[in-house]
Amino acid sequence: METKQLAKIMKALSNTNRLELYLEIKKKQEVSYETGEECFVTDIISCMNIGAPTISHHLKELSNADLISTERRGKFLVAQINKKTLEAASRVLSLKVGK
């Protein structure tokens, strides 16, 4: 992973609302993995104190940093954590700390 990509990820997660949104998606995805359900953005909106337009903006920023992917299912939006990006960033950070 390039330093530029890592900086983009860190910048995206530096906003507290975006970090909270990312962690909520991650939590919902883990639960949905066990239950077989999907992580609908509408479910996330209902448990956060942020308006839908603001959440939409934050989703776009997380997507631009390749932290999540979104997909339309009819009129609903499903969000998923990009595990490859998360794992790559973790590897780079652990290398940086180890030096």
PDB file of N, CA and C in Angstrom:
ATOM      1  N   MET A   1       0.846  -1.181   0.000  1.00  0.00           N
ATOM      2  CA  MET A   1       0.000   0.000   0.000  1.00  0.00           C
ATOM      3  C   MET A   1       0.887   1.238   0.000  1.00  0.00           C
ATOM      4  N   GLU A   2       0.536   2.175  -0.845  1.00  0.00           N
ATOM      5  CA  GLU A   2       1.289   3.421  -0.940  1.00  0.00           C
ATOM      6  C   GLU A   2       0.996   4.331   0.250  1.00  0.00           C
ATOM      7  N   THR A   3       1.956   5.171   0.561  1.00  0.00           N
ATOM      8  CA  THR A   3       1.791   6.141   1.640  1.00  0.00           C
ATOM      9  C   THR A   3       0.632   7.081   1.347  1.00  0.00           C
ATOM     10  N   LYS A   4       0.461   7.424   0.065  1.00  0.00           N
ATOM     11  CA  LYS A   4      -0.619   8.324  -0.336  1.00  0.00           C
ATOM     12  C   LYS A   4      -1.992   7.717  -0.005  1.00  0.00           C
ATOM     13  N   GLN A   5      -2.152   6.427  -0.282  1.00  0.00           N
ATOM     14  CA  GLN A   5      -3.416   5.737   0.007  1.00  0.00           C
ATOM     15  C   GLN A   5      -3.651   5.666   1.511  1.00  0.00           C
ATOM     16  N   LEU A   6      -2.597   5.386   2.275  1.00  0.00           N
ATOM     17  CA  LEU A   6      -2.720   5.326   3.729  1.00  0.00           C
ATOM     18  C   LEU A   6      -3.118   6.686   4.290  1.00  0.00           C
ATOM     19  N   ALA A   7      -2.549   7.759   3.758  1.00  0.00           N
ATOM     20  CA  ALA A   7      -2.904   9.112   4.198  1.00  0.00           C
ATOM     21  C   ALA A   7      -4.370   9.405   3.897  1.00  0.00           C
ATOM     22  N   LYS A   8      -4.852   8.941   2.752  1.00  0.00           N
ATOM     23  CA  LYS A   8      -6.256   9.133   2.373  1.00  0.00           C
ATOM     24  C   LYS A   8      -7.180   8.407   3.355  1.00  0.00           C
ATOM     25  N   ILE A   9      -6.787   7.209   3.749  1.00  0.00           N
ATOM     26  CA  ILE A   9      -7.564   6.429   4.716  1.00  0.00           C
ATOM     27  C   ILE A   9      -7.590   7.143   6.060  1.00  0.00           C
ATOM     28  N   MET A  10      -6.413   7.585   6.515  1.00  0.00           N
ATOM     29  CA  MET A  10      -6.329   8.270   7.805  1.00  0.00           C
ATOM     30  C   MET A  10      -7.138   9.563   7.805  1.00  0.00           C
ATOM     31  N   LYS A  11      -7.100  10.277   6.694  1.00  0.00           N
ATOM     32  CA  LYS A  11      -7.867  11.517   6.589  1.00  0.00           C
ATOM     33  C   LYS A  11      -9.361  11.217   6.660  1.00  0.00           C
ATOM     34  N   ALA A  12      -9.793  10.169   5.967  1.00  0.00           N
ATOM     35  CA  ALA A  12     -11.213   9.811   5.980  1.00  0.00           C
ATOM     36  C   ALA A  12     -11.672   9.434   7.382  1.00  0.00           C
ATOM     37  N   LEU A  13     -10.830   8.750   8.127  1.00  0.00           N
ATOM     38  CA  LEU A  13     -11.205   8.305   9.470  1.00  0.00           C
ATOM     39  C   LEU A  13     -10.924   9.346  10.552  1.00  0.00           C
ATOM     40  N   SER A  14     -10.323  10.476  10.184  1.00  0.00           N
ATOM     41  CA  SER A  14     -10.012  11.505  11.180  1.00  0.00           C
ATOM     42  C   SER A  14     -11.250  12.283  11.619  1.00  0.00           C
ATOM     43  N   ASN A  15     -12.305  12.234  10.834  1.00  0.00           N
ATOM     44  CA  ASN A  15     -13.561  12.879  11.201  1.00  0.00           C
ATOM     45  C   ASN A  15     -14.317  11.947  12.152  1.00  0.00           C
ATOM     46  N   THR A  16     -14.718  12.461  13.312  1.00  0.00           N
ATOM     47  CA  THR A  16     -15.351  11.602  14.323  1.00  0.00           C
ATOM     48  C   THR A  16     -16.646  10.969  13.822  1.00  0.00           C
ATOM     49  N   ASN A  17     -17.452  11.734  13.076  1.00  0.00           N
ATOM     50  CA  ASN A  17     -18.698  11.165  12.552  1.00  0.00           C
ATOM     51  C   ASN A  17     -18.424  10.055  11.540  1.00  0.00           C
ATOM     52  N   ARG A  18     -17.414  10.249  10.694  1.00  0.00           N
ATOM     53  CA  ARG A  18     -17.062   9.219   9.709  1.00  0.00           C
ATOM     54  C   ARG A  18     -16.514   7.977  10.395  1.00  0.00           C
ATOM     55  N   LEU A  19     -15.682   8.183  11.407  1.00  0.00           N
ATOM     56  CA  LEU A  19     -15.138   7.050  12.148  1.00  0.00           C
ATOM     57  C   LEU A  19     -16.269   6.274  12.818  1.00  0.00           C
ATOM     58  N   GLU A  20     -17.197   6.997  13.432  1.00  0.00           N
ATOM     59  CA  GLU A  20     -18.346   6.356  14.071  1.00  0.00           C
ATOM     60  C   GLU A  20     -19.180   5.591  13.041  1.00  0.00           C
ATOM     61  N   LEU A  21     -19.389   6.193  11.885  1.00  0.00           N
ATOM     62  CA  LEU A  21     -20.140   5.551  10.805  1.00  0.00           C
ATOM     63  C   LEU A  21     -19.417   4.290  10.329  1.00  0.00           C
ATOM     64  N   TYR A  22     -18.117   4.384  10.126  1.00  0.00           N
ATOM     65  CA  TYR A  22     -17.318   3.238   9.688  1.00  0.00           C
ATOM     66  C   TYR A  22     -17.411   2.095  10.703  1.00  0.00           C
ATOM     67  N   LEU A  23     -17.257   2.422  11.981  1.00  0.00           N
ATOM     68  CA  LEU A  23     -17.326   1.400  13.026  1.00  0.00           C
ATOM     69  C   LEU A  23     -18.720   0.790  13.115  1.00  0.00           C
ATOM     70  N   GLU A  24     -19.736   1.600  12.883  1.00  0.00           N
ATOM     71  CA  GLU A  24     -21.118   1.097  12.897  1.00  0.00           C
ATOM     72  C   GLU A  24     -21.341   0.130  11.731  1.00  0.00           C
ATOM     73  N   ILE A  25     -20.828   0.475  10.559  1.00  0.00           N
ATOM     74  CA  ILE A  25     -20.939  -0.424   9.397  1.00  0.00           C
ATOM     75  C   ILE A  25     -20.209  -1.726   9.695  1.00  0.00           C
ATOM     76  N   LYS A  26     -19.030  -1.613  10.280  1.00  0.00           N
ATOM     77  CA  LYS A  26     -18.242  -2.810  10.612  1.00  0.00           C
ATOM     78  C   LYS A  26     -18.998  -3.688  11.600  1.00  0.00           C
ATOM     79  N   LYS A  27     -19.585  -3.069  12.617  1.00  0.00           N
ATOM     80  CA  LYS A  27     -20.347  -3.814  13.621  1.00  0.00           C
ATOM     81  C   LYS A  27     -21.559  -4.493  12.984  1.00  0.00           C
ATOM     82  N   LYS A  28     -22.305  -3.736  12.173  1.00  0.00           N
ATOM     83  CA  LYS A  28     -23.491  -4.300  11.508  1.00  0.00           C
ATOM     84  C   LYS A  28     -23.094  -5.425  10.563  1.00  0.00           C
ATOM     85  N   GLN A  29     -21.969  -5.269   9.883  1.00  0.00           N
ATOM     86  CA  GLN A  29     -21.522  -6.301   8.949  1.00  0.00           C
ATOM     87  C   GLN A  29     -21.168  -7.585   9.695  1.00  0.00           C
ATOM     88  N   GLU A  30     -20.540  -7.457  10.858  1.00  0.00           N
ATOM     89  CA  GLU A  30     -20.203  -8.640  11.655  1.00  0.00           C
ATOM     90  C   GLU A  30     -21.463  -9.351  12.125  1.00  0.00           C
ATOM     91  N   VAL A  31     -22.463  -8.586  12.563  1.00  0.00           N
ATOM     92  CA  VAL A  31     -23.735  -9.166  12.992  1.00  0.00           C
ATOM     93  C   VAL A  31     -24.449  -9.794  11.801  1.00  0.00           C
ATOM     94  N   SER A  32     -24.437  -9.098  10.667  1.00  0.00           N
ATOM     95  CA  SER A  32     -25.126  -9.606   9.481  1.00  0.00           C
ATOM     96  C   SER A  32     -24.464 -10.871   8.951  1.00  0.00           C
ATOM     97  N   TYR A  33     -23.165 -11.003   9.167  1.00  0.00           N
ATOM     98  CA  TYR A  33     -22.464 -12.224   8.749  1.00  0.00           C
ATOM     99  C   TYR A  33     -23.008 -13.425   9.523  1.00  0.00           C
ATOM    100  N   GLU A  34     -23.253 -13.229  10.822  1.00  0.00           N
ATOM    101  CA  GLU A  34     -23.765 -14.304  11.672  1.00  0.00           C
ATOM    102  C   GLU A  34     -25.224 -14.624  11.364  1.00  0.00           C
ATOM    103  N   THR A  35     -26.011 -13.598  11.053  1.00  0.00           N
ATOM    104  CA  THR A  35     -27.448 -13.799  10.844  1.00  0.00           C
ATOM    105  C   THR A  35     -27.822 -13.993   9.383  1.00  0.00           C
ATOM    106  N   GLY A  36     -26.909 -13.683   8.473  1.00  0.00           N
ATOM    107  CA  GLY A  36     -27.207 -13.807   7.048  1.00  0.00           C
ATOM    108  C   GLY A  36     -27.911 -12.591   6.474  1.00  0.00           C
ATOM    109  N   GLU A  37     -28.122 -11.552   7.299  1.00  0.00           N
ATOM    110  CA  GLU A  37     -28.759 -10.323   6.833  1.00  0.00           C
ATOM    111  C   GLU A  37     -27.698  -9.375   6.288  1.00  0.00           C
ATOM    112  N   GLU A  38     -28.158  -8.350   5.566  1.00  0.00           N
ATOM    113  CA  GLU A  38     -27.222  -7.381   4.996  1.00  0.00           C
ATOM    114  C   GLU A  38     -27.230  -6.098   5.814  1.00  0.00           C
ATOM    115  N   CYS A  39     -26.206  -5.301   5.635  1.00  0.00           N
ATOM    116  CA  CYS A  39     -26.048  -4.044   6.360  1.00  0.00           C
ATOM    117  C   CYS A  39     -26.667  -2.914   5.538  1.00  0.00           C
ATOM    118  N   PHE A  40     -27.907  -2.573   5.851  1.00  0.00           N
ATOM    119  CA  PHE A  40     -28.601  -1.508   5.134  1.00  0.00           C
ATOM    120  C   PHE A  40     -28.262  -0.160   5.764  1.00  0.00           C
ATOM    121  N   VAL A  41     -27.991   0.815   4.926  1.00  0.00           N
ATOM    122  CA  VAL A  41     -27.630   2.151   5.395  1.00  0.00           C
ATOM    123  C   VAL A  41     -28.773   2.771   6.195  1.00  0.00           C
ATOM    124  N   THR A  42     -30.011   2.470   5.842  1.00  0.00           N
ATOM    125  CA  THR A  42     -31.156   3.014   6.589  1.00  0.00           C
ATOM    126  C   THR A  42     -31.120   2.574   8.051  1.00  0.00           C
ATOM    127  N   ASP A  43     -30.645   1.361   8.322  1.00  0.00           N
ATOM    128  CA  ASP A  43     -30.524   0.895   9.706  1.00  0.00           C
ATOM    129  C   ASP A  43     -29.462   1.692  10.458  1.00  0.00           C
ATOM    130  N   ILE A  44     -28.417   2.062   9.763  1.00  0.00           N
ATOM    131  CA  ILE A  44     -27.336   2.833  10.384  1.00  0.00           C
ATOM    132  C   ILE A  44     -27.793   4.259  10.659  1.00  0.00           C
ATOM    133  N   ILE A  45     -28.527   4.836   9.714  1.00  0.00           N
ATOM    134  CA  ILE A  45     -29.026   6.205   9.879  1.00  0.00           C
ATOM    135  C   ILE A  45     -29.880   6.307  11.132  1.00  0.00           C
ATOM    136  N   SER A  46     -30.711   5.295  11.376  1.00  0.00           N
ATOM    137  CA  SER A  46     -31.625   5.343  12.516  1.00  0.00           C
ATOM    138  C   SER A  46     -30.905   5.298  13.863  1.00  0.00           C
ATOM    139  N   CYS A  47     -29.682   4.783  13.915  1.00  0.00           N
ATOM    140  CA  CYS A  47     -28.988   4.701  15.204  1.00  0.00           C
ATOM    141  C   CYS A  47     -27.926   5.789  15.382  1.00  0.00           C
ATOM    142  N   MET A  48     -27.826   6.713  14.427  1.00  0.00           N
ATOM    143  CA  MET A  48     -26.868   7.814  14.551  1.00  0.00           C
ATOM    144  C   MET A  48     -27.623   9.139  14.598  1.00  0.00           C
ATOM    145  N   ASN A  49     -27.043  10.112  15.248  1.00  0.00           N
ATOM    146  CA  ASN A  49     -27.666  11.433  15.361  1.00  0.00           C
ATOM    147  C   ASN A  49     -27.171  12.370  14.269  1.00  0.00           C
ATOM    148  N   ILE A  50     -27.188  11.883  13.039  1.00  0.00           N
ATOM    149  CA  ILE A  50     -26.724  12.654  11.889  1.00  0.00           C
ATOM    150  C   ILE A  50     -27.792  12.545  10.811  1.00  0.00           C
ATOM    151  N   GLY A  51     -28.009  13.617  10.075  1.00  0.00           N
ATOM    152  CA  GLY A  51     -28.993  13.608   9.003  1.00  0.00           C
ATOM    153  C   GLY A  51     -28.557  12.749   7.827  1.00  0.00           C
ATOM    154  N   ALA A  52     -29.519  12.305   7.053  1.00  0.00           N
ATOM    155  CA  ALA A  52     -29.253  11.444   5.895  1.00  0.00           C
ATOM    156  C   ALA A  52     -28.308  12.091   4.873  1.00  0.00           C
ATOM    157  N   PRO A  53     -28.465  13.394   4.547  1.00  0.00           N
ATOM    158  CA  PRO A  53     -27.528  13.997   3.589  1.00  0.00           C
ATOM    159  C   PRO A  53     -26.078  13.988   4.091  1.00  0.00           C
ATOM    160  N   THR A  54     -25.891  14.209   5.388  1.00  0.00           N
ATOM    161  CA  THR A  54     -24.546  14.190   5.965  1.00  0.00           C
ATOM    162  C   THR A  54     -23.975  12.781   5.929  1.00  0.00           C
ATOM    163  N   ILE A  55     -24.802  11.794   6.237  1.00  0.00           N
ATOM    164  CA  ILE A  55     -24.348  10.403   6.171  1.00  0.00           C
ATOM    165  C   ILE A  55     -23.973  10.048   4.744  1.00  0.00           C
ATOM    166  N   SER A  56     -24.752  10.519   3.792  1.00  0.00           N
ATOM    167  CA  SER A  56     -24.453  10.268   2.382  1.00  0.00           C
ATOM    168  C   SER A  56     -23.074  10.831   2.018  1.00  0.00           C
ATOM    169  N   HIS A  57     -22.784  12.031   2.494  1.00  0.00           N
ATOM    170  CA  HIS A  57     -21.470  12.645   2.250  1.00  0.00           C
ATOM    171  C   HIS A  57     -20.357  11.798   2.872  1.00  0.00           C
ATOM    172  N   HIS A  58     -20.561  11.373   4.113  1.00  0.00           N
ATOM    173  CA  HIS A  58     -19.549  10.574   4.795  1.00  0.00           C
ATOM    174  C   HIS A  58     -19.351   9.220   4.111  1.00  0.00           C
ATOM    175  N   LEU A  59     -20.423   8.621   3.625  1.00  0.00           N
ATOM    176  CA  LEU A  59     -20.311   7.357   2.886  1.00  0.00           C
ATOM    177  C   LEU A  59     -19.458   7.543   1.637  1.00  0.00           C
ATOM    178  N   LYS A  60     -19.662   8.675   0.963  1.00  0.00           N
ATOM    179  CA  LYS A  60     -18.882   8.967  -0.243  1.00  0.00           C
ATOM    180  C   LYS A  60     -17.397   9.095   0.097  1.00  0.00           C
ATOM    181  N   GLU A  61     -17.082   9.778   1.187  1.00  0.00           N
ATOM    182  CA  GLU A  61     -15.685   9.944   1.599  1.00  0.00           C
ATOM    183  C   GLU A  61     -15.051   8.602   1.969  1.00  0.00           C
ATOM    184  N   LEU A  62     -15.792   7.763   2.681  1.00  0.00           N
ATOM    185  CA  LEU A  62     -15.285   6.439   3.042  1.00  0.00           C
ATOM    186  C   LEU A  62     -15.085   5.576   1.803  1.00  0.00           C
ATOM    187  N   SER A  63     -15.989   5.715   0.857  1.00  0.00           N
ATOM    188  CA  SER A  63     -15.891   4.972  -0.399  1.00  0.00           C
ATOM    189  C   SER A  63     -14.702   5.462  -1.228  1.00  0.00           C
ATOM    190  N   ASN A  64     -14.494   6.777  -1.276  1.00  0.00           N
ATOM    191  CA  ASN A  64     -13.355   7.348  -2.013  1.00  0.00           C
ATOM    192  C   ASN A  64     -12.014   6.890  -1.439  1.00  0.00           C
ATOM    193  N   ALA A  65     -11.985   6.631  -0.140  1.00  0.00           N
ATOM    194  CA  ALA A  65     -10.765   6.132   0.505  1.00  0.00           C
ATOM    195  C   ALA A  65     -10.666   4.611   0.382  1.00  0.00           C
ATOM    196  N   ASP A  66     -11.616   4.009  -0.298  1.00  0.00           N
ATOM    197  CA  ASP A  66     -11.673   2.558  -0.528  1.00  0.00           C
ATOM    198  C   ASP A  66     -11.849   1.769   0.767  1.00  0.00           C
ATOM    199  N   LEU A  67     -12.439   2.412   1.782  1.00  0.00           N
ATOM    200  CA  LEU A  67     -12.692   1.733   3.049  1.00  0.00           C
ATOM    201  C   LEU A  67     -13.979   0.922   3.012  1.00  0.00           C
ATOM    202  N   ILE A  68     -14.938   1.375   2.206  1.00  0.00           N
ATOM    203  CA  ILE A  68     -16.212   0.669   2.083  1.00  0.00           C
ATOM    204  C   ILE A  68     -16.616   0.596   0.619  1.00  0.00           C
ATOM    205  N   SER A  69     -17.581  -0.260   0.359  1.00  0.00           N
ATOM    206  CA  SER A  69     -18.241  -0.267  -0.945  1.00  0.00           C
ATOM    207  C   SER A  69     -19.738  -0.232  -0.671  1.00  0.00           C
ATOM    208  N   THR A  70     -20.469   0.369  -1.576  1.00  0.00           N
ATOM    209  CA  THR A  70     -21.923   0.426  -1.439  1.00  0.00           C
ATOM    210  C   THR A  70     -22.556  -0.152  -2.694  1.00  0.00           C
ATOM    211  N   GLU A  71     -23.745  -0.689  -2.505  1.00  0.00           N
ATOM    212  CA  GLU A  71     -24.455  -1.308  -3.618  1.00  0.00           C
ATOM    213  C   GLU A  71     -25.954  -1.089  -3.427  1.00  0.00           C
ATOM    214  N   ARG A  72     -26.626  -0.744  -4.501  1.00  0.00           N
ATOM    215  CA  ARG A  72     -28.078  -0.565  -4.463  1.00  0.00           C
ATOM    216  C   ARG A  72     -28.766  -1.921  -4.510  1.00  0.00           C
ATOM    217  N   ARG A  73     -29.741  -2.111  -3.629  1.00  0.00           N
ATOM    218  CA  ARG A  73     -30.618  -3.277  -3.654  1.00  0.00           C
ATOM    219  C   ARG A  73     -32.040  -2.741  -3.680  1.00  0.00           C
ATOM    220  N   GLY A  74     -32.552  -2.567  -4.889  1.00  0.00           N
ATOM    221  CA  GLY A  74     -33.856  -1.922  -5.028  1.00  0.00           C
ATOM    222  C   GLY A  74     -33.736  -0.477  -4.605  1.00  0.00           C
ATOM    223  N   LYS A  75     -34.553  -0.072  -3.643  1.00  0.00           N
ATOM    224  CA  LYS A  75     -34.478   1.313  -3.161  1.00  0.00           C
ATOM    225  C   LYS A  75     -33.554   1.461  -1.949  1.00  0.00           C
ATOM    226  N   PHE A  76     -32.926   0.379  -1.543  1.00  0.00           N
ATOM    227  CA  PHE A  76     -32.052   0.401  -0.372  1.00  0.00           C
ATOM    228  C   PHE A  76     -30.580   0.404  -0.776  1.00  0.00           C
ATOM    229  N   LEU A  77     -29.756   0.964   0.103  1.00  0.00           N
ATOM    230  CA  LEU A  77     -28.315   1.003  -0.102  1.00  0.00           C
ATOM    231  C   LEU A  77     -27.664   0.083   0.928  1.00  0.00           C
ATOM    232  N   VAL A  78     -26.828  -0.820   0.453  1.00  0.00           N
ATOM    233  CA  VAL A  78     -26.123  -1.763   1.323  1.00  0.00           C
ATOM    234  C   VAL A  78     -24.655  -1.346   1.368  1.00  0.00           C
ATOM    235  N   ALA A  79     -24.094  -1.289   2.568  1.00  0.00           N
ATOM    236  CA  ALA A  79     -22.687  -0.912   2.743  1.00  0.00           C
ATOM    237  C   ALA A  79     -21.895  -2.111   3.245  1.00  0.00           C
ATOM    238  N   GLN A  80     -20.661  -2.215   2.748  1.00  0.00           N
ATOM    239  CA  GLN A  80     -19.765  -3.290   3.181  1.00  0.00           C
ATOM    240  C   GLN A  80     -18.364  -2.732   3.402  1.00  0.00           C
ATOM    241  N   ILE A  81     -17.702  -3.252   4.421  1.00  0.00           N
ATOM    242  CA  ILE A  81     -16.315  -2.894   4.691  1.00  0.00           C
ATOM    243  C   ILE A  81     -15.433  -3.560   3.642  1.00  0.00           C
ATOM    244  N   ASN A  82     -14.460  -2.814   3.133  1.00  0.00           N
ATOM    245  CA  ASN A  82     -13.488  -3.390   2.207  1.00  0.00           C
ATOM    246  C   ASN A  82     -12.364  -3.997   3.047  1.00  0.00           C
ATOM    247  N   LYS A  83     -12.439  -5.291   3.257  1.00  0.00           N
ATOM    248  CA  LYS A  83     -11.491  -5.970   4.147  1.00  0.00           C
ATOM    249  C   LYS A  83     -10.060  -5.918   3.618  1.00  0.00           C
ATOM    250  N   LYS A  84      -9.891  -5.934   2.308  1.00  0.00           N
ATOM    251  CA  LYS A  84      -8.536  -5.895   1.742  1.00  0.00           C
ATOM    252  C   LYS A  84      -7.832  -4.588   2.104  1.00  0.00           C
ATOM    253  N   THR A  85      -8.563  -3.483   2.016  1.00  0.00           N
ATOM    254  CA  THR A  85      -7.980  -2.182   2.367  1.00  0.00           C
ATOM    255  C   THR A  85      -7.649  -2.131   3.850  1.00  0.00           C
ATOM    256  N   LEU A  86      -8.563  -2.621   4.672  1.00  0.00           N
ATOM    257  CA  LEU A  86      -8.352  -2.632   6.118  1.00  0.00           C
ATOM    258  C   LEU A  86      -7.129  -3.472   6.485  1.00  0.00           C
ATOM    259  N   GLU A  87      -7.010  -4.643   5.882  1.00  0.00           N
ATOM    260  CA  GLU A  87      -5.869  -5.516   6.166  1.00  0.00           C
ATOM    261  C   GLU A  87      -4.556  -4.899   5.682  1.00  0.00           C
ATOM    262  N   ALA A  88      -4.572  -4.294   4.500  1.00  0.00           N
ATOM    263  CA  ALA A  88      -3.359  -3.668   3.960  1.00  0.00           C
ATOM    264  C   ALA A  88      -2.911  -2.505   4.842  1.00  0.00           C
ATOM    265  N   ALA A  89      -3.863  -1.683   5.280  1.00  0.00           N
ATOM    266  CA  ALA A  89      -3.527  -0.552   6.154  1.00  0.00           C
ATOM    267  C   ALA A  89      -2.979  -1.055   7.488  1.00  0.00           C
ATOM    268  N   SER A  90      -3.566  -2.107   8.016  1.00  0.00           N
ATOM    269  CA  SER A  90      -3.083  -2.683   9.279  1.00  0.00           C
ATOM    270  C   SER A  90      -1.656  -3.192   9.144  1.00  0.00           C
ATOM    271  N   ARG A  91      -1.365  -3.847   8.021  1.00  0.00           N
ATOM    272  CA  ARG A  91      -0.004  -4.350   7.794  1.00  0.00           C
ATOM    273  C   ARG A  91       1.000  -3.196   7.725  1.00  0.00           C
ATOM    274  N   VAL A  92       0.643  -2.155   6.988  1.00  0.00           N
ATOM    275  CA  VAL A  92       1.547  -1.010   6.848  1.00  0.00           C
ATOM    276  C   VAL A  92       1.764  -0.342   8.201  1.00  0.00           C
ATOM    277  N   LEU A  93       0.693  -0.158   8.957  1.00  0.00           N
ATOM    278  CA  LEU A  93       0.826   0.487  10.265  1.00  0.00           C
ATOM    279  C   LEU A  93       1.664  -0.355  11.218  1.00  0.00           C
ATOM    280  N   SER A  94       1.506  -1.656  11.175  1.00  0.00           N
ATOM    281  CA  SER A  94       2.299  -2.502  12.070  1.00  0.00           C
ATOM    282  C   SER A  94       3.773  -2.475  11.671  1.00  0.00           C
ATOM    283  N   LEU A  95       4.056  -2.331  10.382  1.00  0.00           N
ATOM    284  CA  LEU A  95       5.448  -2.207   9.936  1.00  0.00           C
ATOM    285  C   LEU A  95       6.045  -0.889  10.396  1.00  0.00           C
ATOM    286  N   LYS A  96       5.248   0.183  10.316  1.00  0.00           N
ATOM    287  CA  LYS A  96       5.735   1.507  10.706  1.00  0.00           C
ATOM    288  C   LYS A  96       6.025   1.539  12.203  1.00  0.00           C
ATOM    289  N   VAL A  97       5.171   0.911  13.002  1.00  0.00           N
ATOM    290  CA  VAL A  97       5.345   0.901  14.449  1.00  0.00           C
ATOM    291  C   VAL A  97       6.547   0.051  14.831  1.00  0.00           C
ATOM    292  N   GLY A  98       6.758  -1.035  14.105  1.00  0.00           N
ATOM    293  CA  GLY A  98       7.842  -1.958  14.421  1.00  0.00           C
ATOM    294  C   GLY A  98       9.230  -1.405  14.165  1.00  0.00           C
ATOM    295  N   LYS A  99       9.350  -0.374  13.350  1.00  0.00           N
ATOM    296  CA  LYS A  99      10.680   0.159  12.997  1.00  0.00           C
ATOM    297  C   LYS A  99      11.281   0.968  14.103  1.00  0.00           C
TER     298      LYS A  99
END
